[in-house]
C-alpha atoms as a PDB file:
ATOM      1  CA  MET A   1       0.000   0.000   0.000  1.00  0.00           C
ATOM      2  CA  LYS A   2       1.342   3.418  -0.935  1.00  0.00           C
ATOM      3  CA  TYR A   3       1.762   6.039   1.776  1.00  0.00           C
ATOM      4  CA  GLU A   4      -0.749   8.312   0.020  1.00  0.00           C
ATOM      5  CA  ASP A   5      -3.405   5.618   0.420  1.00  0.00           C
ATOM      6  CA  ILE A   6      -2.572   5.200   4.102  1.00  0.00           C
ATOM      7  CA  ILE A   7      -2.735   8.950   4.736  1.00  0.00           C
ATOM      8  CA  HIS A   8      -6.129   9.157   3.053  1.00  0.00           C
ATOM      9  CA  ARG A   9      -7.520   6.438   5.349  1.00  0.00           C
ATOM     10  CA  CYS A  10      -7.327   8.718   8.394  1.00  0.00           C
ATOM     11  CA  PHE A  11     -10.698  10.225   9.252  1.00  0.00           C
ATOM     12  CA  ARG A  12      -9.550  11.838  12.546  1.00  0.00           C
ATOM     13  CA  CYS A  13     -11.404   9.559  14.951  1.00  0.00           C
ATOM     14  CA  GLY A  14      -9.106  10.679  17.778  1.00  0.00           C
ATOM     15  CA  TYR A  15      -7.889   7.287  19.022  1.00  0.00           C
ATOM     16  CA  CYS A  16      -4.324   8.318  18.208  1.00  0.00           C
ATOM     17  CA  LYS A  17      -4.339  11.286  20.567  1.00  0.00           C
ATOM     18  CA  PHE A  18      -6.168   9.859  23.598  1.00  0.00           C
ATOM     19  CA  THR A  19      -5.369   6.983  25.915  1.00  0.00           C
ATOM     20  CA  SER A  20      -7.763   4.056  25.942  1.00  0.00           C
ATOM     21  CA  ASP A  21      -9.655   5.465  28.935  1.00  0.00           C
ATOM     22  CA  TYR A  22     -10.001   8.948  27.353  1.00  0.00           C
ATOM     23  CA  ILE A  23      -8.865  10.767  30.487  1.00  0.00           C
ATOM     24  CA  ASP A  24      -5.494  11.964  29.228  1.00  0.00           C
ATOM     25  CA  PHE A  25      -3.780  12.768  25.962  1.00  0.00           C
ATOM     26  CA  ASN A  26      -1.632  10.108  24.342  1.00  0.00           C
ATOM     27  CA  CYS A  27       0.312  12.396  21.984  1.00  0.00           C
ATOM     28  CA  PRO A  28       3.019  14.469  23.741  1.00  0.00           C
ATOM     29  CA  THR A  29       2.967  17.334  21.233  1.00  0.00           C
ATOM     30  CA  TYR A  30      -0.821  17.519  21.247  1.00  0.00           C
ATOM     31  CA  ARG A  31      -0.685  17.596  25.045  1.00  0.00           C
ATOM     32  CA  LYS A  32       1.874  20.428  24.949  1.00  0.00           C
ATOM     33  CA  PHE A  33       0.330  22.652  22.270  1.00  0.00           C
ATOM     34  CA  GLY A  34      -3.360  21.719  22.513  1.00  0.00           C
ATOM     35  CA  PHE A  35      -4.123  22.390  18.855  1.00  0.00           C
ATOM     36  CA  GLU A  36      -5.555  19.767  16.502  1.00  0.00           C
ATOM     37  CA  THR A  37      -2.820  20.439  13.945  1.00  0.00           C
ATOM     38  CA  TYR A  38      -0.291  19.050  16.445  1.00  0.00           C
ATOM     39  CA  SER A  39      -2.218  15.780  16.830  1.00  0.00           C
ATOM     40  CA  PRO A  40      -1.377  12.768  14.656  1.00  0.00           C
ATOM     41  CA  GLY A  41      -4.664  13.108  12.771  1.00  0.00           C
ATOM     42  CA  GLY A  42      -4.083  16.819  12.293  1.00  0.00           C
ATOM     43  CA  ARG A  43      -0.660  16.141  10.824  1.00  0.00           C
ATOM     44  CA  MET A  44      -2.167  13.530   8.511  1.00  0.00           C
ATOM     45  CA  TRP A  45      -4.674  16.079   7.235  1.00  0.00           C
ATOM     46  CA  LEU A  46      -1.921  18.654   6.737  1.00  0.00           C
ATOM     47  CA  ILE A  47       0.087  16.132   4.719  1.00  0.00           C
ATOM     48  CA  ARG A  48      -3.031  15.231   2.749  1.00  0.00           C
ATOM     49  CA  ALA A  49      -3.665  18.911   1.974  1.00  0.00           C
ATOM     50  CA  TRP A  50      -0.030  19.323   0.901  1.00  0.00           C
ATOM     51  CA  LEU A  51      -0.201  16.229  -1.342  1.00  0.00           C
ATOM     52  CA  ASN A  52      -3.387  17.620  -2.921  1.00  0.00           C
ATOM     53  CA  ASN A  53      -1.648  20.998  -3.502  1.00  0.00           C
ATOM     54  CA  GLU A  54      -4.113  22.734  -1.178  1.00  0.00           C
ATOM     55  CA  ILE A  55      -1.345  24.207   0.988  1.00  0.00           C
ATOM     56  CA  GLU A  56       2.275  25.063   0.296  1.00  0.00           C
ATOM     57  CA  ASN A  57       5.371  23.712   1.945  1.00  0.00           C
ATOM     58  CA  SER A  58       6.366  26.442   4.369  1.00  0.00           C
ATOM     59  CA  GLU A  59       8.517  26.882   7.437  1.00  0.00           C
ATOM     60  CA  ARG A  60       5.391  26.696   9.629  1.00  0.00           C
ATOM     61  CA  PHE A  61       4.218  23.510   7.876  1.00  0.00           C
ATOM     62  CA  GLN A  62       7.604  21.880   8.492  1.00  0.00           C
ATOM     63  CA  GLU A  63       7.649  23.094  12.100  1.00  0.00           C
ATOM     64  CA  ILE A  64       4.343  21.343  12.789  1.00  0.00           C
ATOM     65  CA  LEU A  65       5.331  18.130  10.997  1.00  0.00           C
ATOM     66  CA  PHE A  66       8.716  17.883  12.667  1.00  0.00           C
ATOM     67  CA  SER A  67       7.310  18.583  16.132  1.00  0.00           C
ATOM     68  CA  CYS A  68       6.277  14.909  16.225  1.00  0.00           C
ATOM     69  CA  ALA A  69       8.023  13.129  19.099  1.00  0.00           C
ATOM     70  CA  THR A  70       8.118   9.847  17.090  1.00  0.00           C
ATOM     71  CA  CYS A  71       6.996   7.971  20.205  1.00  0.00           C
ATOM     72  CA  ALA A  72       4.652   5.778  18.083  1.00  0.00           C
ATOM     73  CA  ASN A  73       1.788   5.999  20.592  1.00  0.00           C
ATOM     74  CA  CYS A  74      -0.432   6.972  17.670  1.00  0.00           C
ATOM     75  CA  VAL A  75       0.554   3.806  15.812  1.00  0.00           C
ATOM     76  CA  GLU A  76      -0.294   1.690  18.865  1.00  0.00           C
ATOM     77  CA  HIS A  77      -3.733   3.263  19.324  1.00  0.00           C
ATOM     78  CA  CYS A  78      -4.813   3.690  15.700  1.00  0.00           C
ATOM     79  CA  VAL A  79      -7.830   1.614  14.649  1.00  0.00           C
ATOM     80  CA  PHE A  80      -6.322   1.279  11.165  1.00  0.00           C
ATOM     81  CA  THR A  81      -3.112  -0.530  10.355  1.00  0.00           C
ATOM     82  CA  PHE A  82      -0.531   2.206   9.920  1.00  0.00           C
ATOM     83  CA  ARG A  83       3.069   1.530   9.116  1.00  0.00           C
ATOM     84  CA  GLU A  84       5.470   2.930  11.676  1.00  0.00           C
ATOM     85  CA  ASP A  85       7.740   4.393   9.013  1.00  0.00           C
ATOM     86  CA  LEU A  86       5.033   6.975   8.300  1.00  0.00           C
ATOM     87  CA  VAL A  87       5.405   8.494  11.768  1.00  0.00           C
END
């Protein structure tokens, strides 16, 4: 499966950013910044928009993408099968 197909499977259900009991945030950068764009699903949608030429590659875009802690908590909690090399 191509990475574009995997990115387009995300529908931002939120499992990637919350723990299984929904009382705390699972994603460290989402916990720190508190904005959806810093969540795994938010990053997926930013990448999707970039791939569809809806937004441009900018310093701010890169800052958000590279703020990922690469802890792979999102991969563990995702209801879809994501490959870890996408993180």
